[in-house]
């Protein structure tokens, strides 16, 4: 859930965007309702992409660590 100030900031940005790009006026309450709508309807897409990005980064680090371990392994004495 968004913090009150985050929601207000997003609503203000949406209002400014619509005024600039679509010459549309949107009230603060309408913009906040629209923010809620976006969060509910498409927020999961960004959330899931964030999870996939995090998984990729973690797997990359694990691969790096595995390579480091291979370098540290000692050979069997002769």
PDB file of N, CA and C in Angstrom:
ATOM      1  N   UNK A   1       0.841  -1.184   0.000  1.00  0.00           N
ATOM      2  CA  UNK A   1       0.000   0.000   0.000  1.00  0.00           C
ATOM      3  C   UNK A   1       0.884   1.245   0.000  1.00  0.00           C
ATOM      4  N   UNK A   2       0.470   2.226  -0.724  1.00  0.00           N
ATOM      5  CA  UNK A   2       1.230   3.474  -0.821  1.00  0.00           C
ATOM      6  C   UNK A   2       1.036   4.329   0.425  1.00  0.00           C
ATOM      7  N   UNK A   3       2.110   5.001   0.804  1.00  0.00           N
ATOM      8  CA  UNK A   3       2.012   5.990   1.877  1.00  0.00           C
ATOM      9  C   UNK A   3       1.187   7.170   1.356  1.00  0.00           C
ATOM     10  N   UNK A   4       0.575   7.895   2.281  1.00  0.00           N
ATOM     11  CA  UNK A   4      -0.294   9.014   1.917  1.00  0.00           C
ATOM     12  C   UNK A   4       0.440  10.038   1.046  1.00  0.00           C
ATOM     13  N   UNK A   5       1.684  10.373   1.422  1.00  0.00           N
ATOM     14  CA  UNK A   5       2.445  11.376   0.678  1.00  0.00           C
ATOM     15  C   UNK A   5       2.845  10.851  -0.702  1.00  0.00           C
ATOM     16  N   UNK A   6       3.195   9.566  -0.793  1.00  0.00           N
ATOM     17  CA  UNK A   6       3.533   8.980  -2.089  1.00  0.00           C
ATOM     18  C   UNK A   6       2.333   9.038  -3.038  1.00  0.00           C
ATOM     19  N   UNK A   7       1.175   8.698  -2.503  1.00  0.00           N
ATOM     20  CA  UNK A   7      -0.050   8.728  -3.300  1.00  0.00           C
ATOM     21  C   UNK A   7      -0.348  10.150  -3.771  1.00  0.00           C
ATOM     22  N   UNK A   8      -0.201  11.117  -2.889  1.00  0.00           N
ATOM     23  CA  UNK A   8      -0.445  12.513  -3.248  1.00  0.00           C
ATOM     24  C   UNK A   8       0.540  12.981  -4.315  1.00  0.00           C
ATOM     25  N   UNK A   9       1.804  12.573  -4.178  1.00  0.00           N
ATOM     26  CA  UNK A   9       2.815  12.954  -5.173  1.00  0.00           C
ATOM     27  C   UNK A   9       2.504  12.346  -6.538  1.00  0.00           C
ATOM     28  N   UNK A  10       2.124  11.074  -6.550  1.00  0.00           N
ATOM     29  CA  UNK A  10       1.760  10.428  -7.811  1.00  0.00           C
ATOM     30  C   UNK A  10       0.542  11.081  -8.440  1.00  0.00           C
ATOM     31  N   UNK A  11      -0.441  11.407  -7.623  1.00  0.00           N
ATOM     32  CA  UNK A  11      -1.655  12.064  -8.125  1.00  0.00           C
ATOM     33  C   UNK A  11      -1.307  13.413  -8.747  1.00  0.00           C
ATOM     34  N   UNK A  12      -0.428  14.159  -8.108  1.00  0.00           N
ATOM     35  CA  UNK A  12      -0.016  15.457  -8.649  1.00  0.00           C
ATOM     36  C   UNK A  12       0.712  15.284  -9.982  1.00  0.00           C
ATOM     37  N   UNK A  13       1.543  14.271 -10.076  1.00  0.00           N
ATOM     38  CA  UNK A  13       2.267  14.022 -11.328  1.00  0.00           C
ATOM     39  C   UNK A  13       1.300  13.619 -12.442  1.00  0.00           C
ATOM     40  N   UNK A  14       0.301  12.810 -12.118  1.00  0.00           N
ATOM     41  CA  UNK A  14      -0.704  12.415 -13.105  1.00  0.00           C
ATOM     42  C   UNK A  14      -1.497  13.634 -13.569  1.00  0.00           C
ATOM     43  N   UNK A  15      -1.889  14.477 -12.626  1.00  0.00           N
ATOM     44  CA  UNK A  15      -2.635  15.694 -12.986  1.00  0.00           C
ATOM     45  C   UNK A  15      -1.809  16.571 -13.924  1.00  0.00           C
ATOM     46  N   UNK A  16      -0.527  16.752 -13.606  1.00  0.00           N
ATOM     47  CA  UNK A  16       0.347  17.584 -14.427  1.00  0.00           C
ATOM     48  C   UNK A  16       0.528  16.969 -15.817  1.00  0.00           C
ATOM     49  N   UNK A  17       0.712  15.659 -15.865  1.00  0.00           N
ATOM     50  CA  UNK A  17       0.890  14.971 -17.146  1.00  0.00           C
ATOM     51  C   UNK A  17      -0.344  15.141 -18.027  1.00  0.00           C
ATOM     52  N   UNK A  18      -1.521  14.883 -17.458  1.00  0.00           N
ATOM     53  CA  UNK A  18      -2.750  14.991 -18.247  1.00  0.00           C
ATOM     54  C   UNK A  18      -3.007  16.425 -18.700  1.00  0.00           C
ATOM     55  N   UNK A  19      -2.697  17.385 -17.852  1.00  0.00           N
ATOM     56  CA  UNK A  19      -2.871  18.792 -18.231  1.00  0.00           C
ATOM     57  C   UNK A  19      -1.939  19.158 -19.383  1.00  0.00           C
ATOM     58  N   UNK A  20      -0.712  18.664 -19.313  1.00  0.00           N
ATOM     59  CA  UNK A  20       0.294  18.991 -20.321  1.00  0.00           C
ATOM     60  C   UNK A  20       0.080  18.224 -21.625  1.00  0.00           C
ATOM     61  N   UNK A  21      -0.153  16.931 -21.545  1.00  0.00           N
ATOM     62  CA  UNK A  21      -0.186  16.086 -22.734  1.00  0.00           C
ATOM     63  C   UNK A  21      -1.568  15.940 -23.358  1.00  0.00           C
ATOM     64  N   UNK A  22      -2.605  15.984 -22.535  1.00  0.00           N
ATOM     65  CA  UNK A  22      -3.955  15.762 -23.056  1.00  0.00           C
ATOM     66  C   UNK A  22      -4.861  16.969 -22.862  1.00  0.00           C
ATOM     67  N   UNK A  23      -4.299  18.036 -22.309  1.00  0.00           N
ATOM     68  CA  UNK A  23      -5.079  19.239 -22.005  1.00  0.00           C
ATOM     69  C   UNK A  23      -6.354  18.878 -21.253  1.00  0.00           C
ATOM     70  N   UNK A  24      -6.211  17.921 -20.303  1.00  0.00           N
ATOM     71  CA  UNK A  24      -7.341  17.459 -19.495  1.00  0.00           C
ATOM     72  C   UNK A  24      -7.151  17.889 -18.048  1.00  0.00           C
ATOM     73  N   UNK A  25      -8.218  18.346 -17.466  1.00  0.00           N
ATOM     74  CA  UNK A  25      -8.205  18.740 -16.059  1.00  0.00           C
ATOM     75  C   UNK A  25      -8.706  17.574 -15.225  1.00  0.00           C
ATOM     76  N   UNK A  26      -8.009  17.281 -14.155  1.00  0.00           N
ATOM     77  CA  UNK A  26      -8.393  16.196 -13.263  1.00  0.00           C
ATOM     78  C   UNK A  26      -8.256  16.709 -11.835  1.00  0.00           C
ATOM     79  N   UNK A  27      -9.288  16.523 -11.045  1.00  0.00           N
ATOM     80  CA  UNK A  27      -9.235  16.951  -9.659  1.00  0.00           C
ATOM     81  C   UNK A  27      -8.318  16.055  -8.846  1.00  0.00           C
ATOM     82  N   UNK A  28      -7.901  16.539  -7.690  1.00  0.00           N
ATOM     83  CA  UNK A  28      -6.997  15.781  -6.831  1.00  0.00           C
ATOM     84  C   UNK A  28      -7.609  14.447  -6.418  1.00  0.00           C
ATOM     85  N   UNK A  29      -8.885  14.454  -6.010  1.00  0.00           N
ATOM     86  CA  UNK A  29      -9.543  13.219  -5.602  1.00  0.00           C
ATOM     87  C   UNK A  29      -9.629  12.233  -6.768  1.00  0.00           C
ATOM     88  N   UNK A  30      -9.973  12.745  -7.943  1.00  0.00           N
ATOM     89  CA  UNK A  30     -10.037  11.878  -9.128  1.00  0.00           C
ATOM     90  C   UNK A  30      -8.674  11.271  -9.431  1.00  0.00           C
ATOM     91  N   UNK A  31      -7.629  12.070  -9.305  1.00  0.00           N
ATOM     92  CA  UNK A  31      -6.278  11.578  -9.576  1.00  0.00           C
ATOM     93  C   UNK A  31      -5.873  10.528  -8.550  1.00  0.00           C
ATOM     94  N   UNK A  32      -6.239  10.721  -7.288  1.00  0.00           N
ATOM     95  CA  UNK A  32      -5.914   9.735  -6.259  1.00  0.00           C
ATOM     96  C   UNK A  32      -6.679   8.430  -6.492  1.00  0.00           C
ATOM     97  N   UNK A  33      -7.919   8.534  -6.925  1.00  0.00           N
ATOM     98  CA  UNK A  33      -8.697   7.342  -7.268  1.00  0.00           C
ATOM     99  C   UNK A  33      -8.052   6.623  -8.446  1.00  0.00           C
ATOM    100  N   UNK A  34      -7.552   7.383  -9.407  1.00  0.00           N
ATOM    101  CA  UNK A  34      -6.872   6.800 -10.560  1.00  0.00           C
ATOM    102  C   UNK A  34      -5.581   6.097 -10.131  1.00  0.00           C
ATOM    103  N   UNK A  35      -4.845   6.687  -9.197  1.00  0.00           N
ATOM    104  CA  UNK A  35      -3.641   6.048  -8.658  1.00  0.00           C
ATOM    105  C   UNK A  35      -4.014   4.708  -8.028  1.00  0.00           C
ATOM    106  N   UNK A  36      -5.090   4.689  -7.235  1.00  0.00           N
ATOM    107  CA  UNK A  36      -5.553   3.433  -6.632  1.00  0.00           C
ATOM    108  C   UNK A  36      -5.892   2.398  -7.698  1.00  0.00           C
ATOM    109  N   UNK A  37      -6.578   2.854  -8.741  1.00  0.00           N
ATOM    110  CA  UNK A  37      -6.944   1.964  -9.841  1.00  0.00           C
ATOM    111  C   UNK A  37      -5.704   1.365 -10.495  1.00  0.00           C
ATOM    112  N   UNK A  38      -4.729   2.213 -10.799  1.00  0.00           N
ATOM    113  CA  UNK A  38      -3.502   1.729 -11.425  1.00  0.00           C
ATOM    114  C   UNK A  38      -2.786   0.724 -10.525  1.00  0.00           C
ATOM    115  N   UNK A  39      -2.719   1.024  -9.249  1.00  0.00           N
ATOM    116  CA  UNK A  39      -2.042   0.128  -8.309  1.00  0.00           C
ATOM    117  C   UNK A  39      -2.728  -1.233  -8.271  1.00  0.00           C
ATOM    118  N   UNK A  40      -4.048  -1.231  -8.249  1.00  0.00           N
ATOM    119  CA  UNK A  40      -4.803  -2.487  -8.175  1.00  0.00           C
ATOM    120  C   UNK A  40      -4.773  -3.263  -9.487  1.00  0.00           C
ATOM    121  N   UNK A  41      -4.895  -2.568 -10.589  1.00  0.00           N
ATOM    122  CA  UNK A  41      -5.061  -3.241 -11.879  1.00  0.00           C
ATOM    123  C   UNK A  41      -3.759  -3.598 -12.587  1.00  0.00           C
ATOM    124  N   UNK A  42      -2.728  -2.783 -12.430  1.00  0.00           N
ATOM    125  CA  UNK A  42      -1.478  -3.084 -13.143  1.00  0.00           C
ATOM    126  C   UNK A  42      -0.254  -3.116 -12.236  1.00  0.00           C
ATOM    127  N   UNK A  43      -0.425  -2.796 -10.983  1.00  0.00           N
ATOM    128  CA  UNK A  43       0.705  -2.790 -10.058  1.00  0.00           C
ATOM    129  C   UNK A  43       1.413  -4.124 -10.000  1.00  0.00           C
ATOM    130  N   UNK A  44       0.654  -5.208 -10.096  1.00  0.00           N
ATOM    131  CA  UNK A  44       1.243  -6.545 -10.016  1.00  0.00           C
ATOM    132  C   UNK A  44       2.259  -6.789 -11.128  1.00  0.00           C
ATOM    133  N   UNK A  45       2.057  -6.170 -12.287  1.00  0.00           N
ATOM    134  CA  UNK A  45       2.981  -6.358 -13.399  1.00  0.00           C
ATOM    135  C   UNK A  45       4.372  -5.831 -13.018  1.00  0.00           C
ATOM    136  N   UNK A  46       4.409  -4.653 -12.438  1.00  0.00           N
ATOM    137  CA  UNK A  46       5.681  -4.059 -12.033  1.00  0.00           C
ATOM    138  C   UNK A  46       6.283  -4.806 -10.843  1.00  0.00           C
ATOM    139  N   UNK A  47       5.448  -5.245  -9.934  1.00  0.00           N
ATOM    140  CA  UNK A  47       5.897  -6.019  -8.781  1.00  0.00           C
ATOM    141  C   UNK A  47       6.554  -7.319  -9.243  1.00  0.00           C
ATOM    142  N   UNK A  48       5.870  -8.044 -10.118  1.00  0.00           N
ATOM    143  CA  UNK A  48       6.405  -9.312 -10.608  1.00  0.00           C
ATOM    144  C   UNK A  48       7.693  -9.120 -11.393  1.00  0.00           C
ATOM    145  N   UNK A  49       7.779  -8.052 -12.170  1.00  0.00           N
ATOM    146  CA  UNK A  49       9.015  -7.776 -12.908  1.00  0.00           C
ATOM    147  C   UNK A  49      10.144  -7.472 -11.937  1.00  0.00           C
ATOM    148  N   UNK A  50       9.839  -6.757 -10.874  1.00  0.00           N
ATOM    149  CA  UNK A  50      10.845  -6.484  -9.847  1.00  0.00           C
ATOM    150  C   UNK A  50      11.356  -7.766  -9.210  1.00  0.00           C
ATOM    151  N   UNK A  51      10.451  -8.706  -8.961  1.00  0.00           N
ATOM    152  CA  UNK A  51      10.869  -9.999  -8.412  1.00  0.00           C
ATOM    153  C   UNK A  51      11.767 -10.753  -9.386  1.00  0.00           C
ATOM    154  N   UNK A  52      11.408 -10.748 -10.661  1.00  0.00           N
ATOM    155  CA  UNK A  52      12.235 -11.435 -11.663  1.00  0.00           C
ATOM    156  C   UNK A  52      13.614 -10.779 -11.774  1.00  0.00           C
ATOM    157  N   UNK A  53      13.639  -9.453 -11.740  1.00  0.00           N
ATOM    158  CA  UNK A  53      14.923  -8.743 -11.791  1.00  0.00           C
ATOM    159  C   UNK A  53      15.784  -9.076 -10.576  1.00  0.00           C
ATOM    160  N   UNK A  54      15.152  -9.130  -9.396  1.00  0.00           N
ATOM    161  CA  UNK A  54      15.887  -9.478  -8.176  1.00  0.00           C
ATOM    162  C   UNK A  54      16.413 -10.903  -8.254  1.00  0.00           C
ATOM    163  N   UNK A  55      15.601 -11.819  -8.749  1.00  0.00           N
ATOM    164  CA  UNK A  55      16.031 -13.212  -8.881  1.00  0.00           C
ATOM    165  C   UNK A  55      17.226 -13.319  -9.824  1.00  0.00           C
ATOM    166  N   UNK A  56      17.170 -12.607 -10.930  1.00  0.00           N
ATOM    167  CA  UNK A  56      18.277 -12.617 -11.886  1.00  0.00           C
ATOM    168  C   UNK A  56      19.550 -12.090 -11.237  1.00  0.00           C
ATOM    169  N   UNK A  57      19.437 -11.007 -10.486  1.00  0.00           N
ATOM    170  CA  UNK A  57      20.610 -10.435  -9.816  1.00  0.00           C
ATOM    171  C   UNK A  57      21.177 -11.397  -8.778  1.00  0.00           C
ATOM    172  N   UNK A  58      20.313 -12.049  -8.026  1.00  0.00           N
ATOM    173  CA  UNK A  58      20.765 -13.007  -7.012  1.00  0.00           C
ATOM    174  C   UNK A  58      21.448 -14.199  -7.667  1.00  0.00           C
ATOM    175  N   UNK A  59      20.859 -14.736  -8.720  1.00  0.00           N
ATOM    176  CA  UNK A  59      21.461 -15.874  -9.414  1.00  0.00           C
ATOM    177  C   UNK A  59      22.822 -15.509 -10.011  1.00  0.00           C
ATOM    178  N   UNK A  60      22.942 -14.296 -10.512  1.00  0.00           N
ATOM    179  CA  UNK A  60      24.218 -13.832 -11.060  1.00  0.00           C
ATOM    180  C   UNK A  60      25.276 -13.803  -9.960  1.00  0.00           C
ATOM    181  N   UNK A  61      24.891 -13.311  -8.790  1.00  0.00           N
ATOM    182  CA  UNK A  61      25.838 -13.266  -7.664  1.00  0.00           C
ATOM    183  C   UNK A  61      26.208 -14.668  -7.193  1.00  0.00           C
ATOM    184  N   UNK A  62      25.240 -15.578  -7.198  1.00  0.00           N
ATOM    185  CA  UNK A  62      25.537 -16.953  -6.806  1.00  0.00           C
ATOM    186  C   UNK A  62      26.503 -17.601  -7.787  1.00  0.00           C
ATOM    187  N   UNK A  63      26.324 -17.336  -9.069  1.00  0.00           N
ATOM    188  CA  UNK A  63      27.252 -17.859 -10.075  1.00  0.00           C
ATOM    189  C   UNK A  63      28.654 -17.303  -9.845  1.00  0.00           C
ATOM    190  N   UNK A  64      28.734 -16.003  -9.538  1.00  0.00           N
ATOM    191  CA  UNK A  64      30.029 -15.388  -9.250  1.00  0.00           C
ATOM    192  C   UNK A  64      30.671 -16.040  -8.034  1.00  0.00           C
ATOM    193  N   UNK A  65      29.888 -16.286  -6.994  1.00  0.00           N
ATOM    194  CA  UNK A  65      30.406 -16.913  -5.778  1.00  0.00           C
ATOM    195  C   UNK A  65      30.874 -18.332  -6.066  1.00  0.00           C
ATOM    196  N   UNK A  66      30.133 -19.069  -6.865  1.00  0.00           N
ATOM    197  CA  UNK A  66      30.530 -20.430  -7.216  1.00  0.00           C
ATOM    198  C   UNK A  66      31.870 -20.415  -7.959  1.00  0.00           C
ATOM    199  N   UNK A  67      32.042 -19.454  -8.827  1.00  0.00           N
ATOM    200  CA  UNK A  67      33.322 -19.316  -9.538  1.00  0.00           C
ATOM    201  C   UNK A  67      34.452 -18.990  -8.586  1.00  0.00           C
ATOM    202  N   UNK A  68      34.191 -18.141  -7.610  1.00  0.00           N
ATOM    203  CA  UNK A  68      35.203 -17.801  -6.606  1.00  0.00           C
ATOM    204  C   UNK A  68      35.588 -19.024  -5.786  1.00  0.00           C
ATOM    205  N   UNK A  69      34.615 -19.844  -5.449  1.00  0.00           N
ATOM    206  CA  UNK A  69      34.884 -21.056  -4.673  1.00  0.00           C
ATOM    207  C   UNK A  69      35.735 -22.019  -5.493  1.00  0.00           C
ATOM    208  N   UNK A  70      35.433 -22.166  -6.773  1.00  0.00           N
ATOM    209  CA  UNK A  70      36.228 -23.037  -7.636  1.00  0.00           C
ATOM    210  C   UNK A  70      37.695 -22.610  -7.643  1.00  0.00           C
ATOM    211  N   UNK A  71      37.948 -21.322  -7.669  1.00  0.00           N
ATOM    212  CA  UNK A  71      39.309 -20.795  -7.670  1.00  0.00           C
ATOM    213  C   UNK A  71      40.005 -21.117  -6.349  1.00  0.00           C
ATOM    214  N   UNK A  72      39.288 -21.129  -5.256  1.00  0.00           N
ATOM    215  CA  UNK A  72      39.879 -21.366  -3.937  1.00  0.00           C
ATOM    216  C   UNK A  72      40.116 -22.849  -3.632  1.00  0.00           C
ATOM    217  N   UNK A  73      39.490 -23.736  -4.387  1.00  0.00           N
ATOM    218  CA  UNK A  73      39.668 -25.160  -4.116  1.00  0.00           C
ATOM    219  C   UNK A  73      41.132 -25.548  -4.272  1.00  0.00           C
ATOM    220  N   UNK A  74      41.547 -26.451  -3.409  1.00  0.00           N
ATOM    221  CA  UNK A  74      42.934 -26.930  -3.435  1.00  0.00           C
ATOM    222  C   UNK A  74      42.972 -28.275  -4.139  1.00  0.00           C
ATOM    223  N   UNK A  75      44.059 -28.483  -4.831  1.00  0.00           N
ATOM    224  CA  UNK A  75      44.256 -29.750  -5.531  1.00  0.00           C
ATOM    225  C   UNK A  75      44.679 -30.817  -4.541  1.00  0.00           C
ATOM    226  N   UNK A  76      44.433 -32.052  -4.894  1.00  0.00           N
ATOM    227  CA  UNK A  76      44.828 -33.193  -4.080  1.00  0.00           C
ATOM    228  C   UNK A  76      46.354 -33.262  -4.039  1.00  0.00           C
ATOM    229  N   UNK A  77      46.949 -33.449  -2.846  1.00  0.00           N
ATOM    230  CA  UNK A  77      48.406 -33.535  -2.768  1.00  0.00           C
ATOM    231  C   UNK A  77      48.926 -34.762  -3.514  1.00  0.00           C
ATOM    232  N   UNK A  78      50.116 -34.678  -4.058  1.00  0.00           N
ATOM    233  CA  UNK A  78      50.689 -35.786  -4.832  1.00  0.00           C
ATOM    234  C   UNK A  78      51.439 -36.710  -3.962  1.00  0.00           C
TER     235      UNK A  78
END
